[in-house]
Amino acid sequence: MNVLDILGEYLTEKGYDGLCMPDYGDGCGCVVGDLVPCGDISLDCEAAYRYDCWNCAKKDTGGGCPLLLFEDHDVLYSPRKDYCQPDYKEAME
């Protein structure tokens, strides 16, 4: 068991989905099971919740989702559980 395994277990036990660097925008985040794919963990990484933007109806409304800084990204990570309220119901219809 290595440090990333221990970190992954901790994140899962606490209800988090992965890690993010909030000051970097929504362009940096990783999920438990594939932590730190960049190979460069930072002291600025924080426990995070993952939001699946590709399936959210808000992404395709008008100017797009104001929380999603990079249109080509399909996920959003945030240390705040209340950061996003995805609308999956409309997107599935």
Foldseek 3Di string as FASTA:
>chain_A
DDPLVVVLVVLVVVPFFWKAQVVVAQPGIDGRVCHPVVVDDDPSIDGKHKDQQQQFPQQPPDPGDPRHPDNVDGMGIDRDPVPDDGHNPVSVD
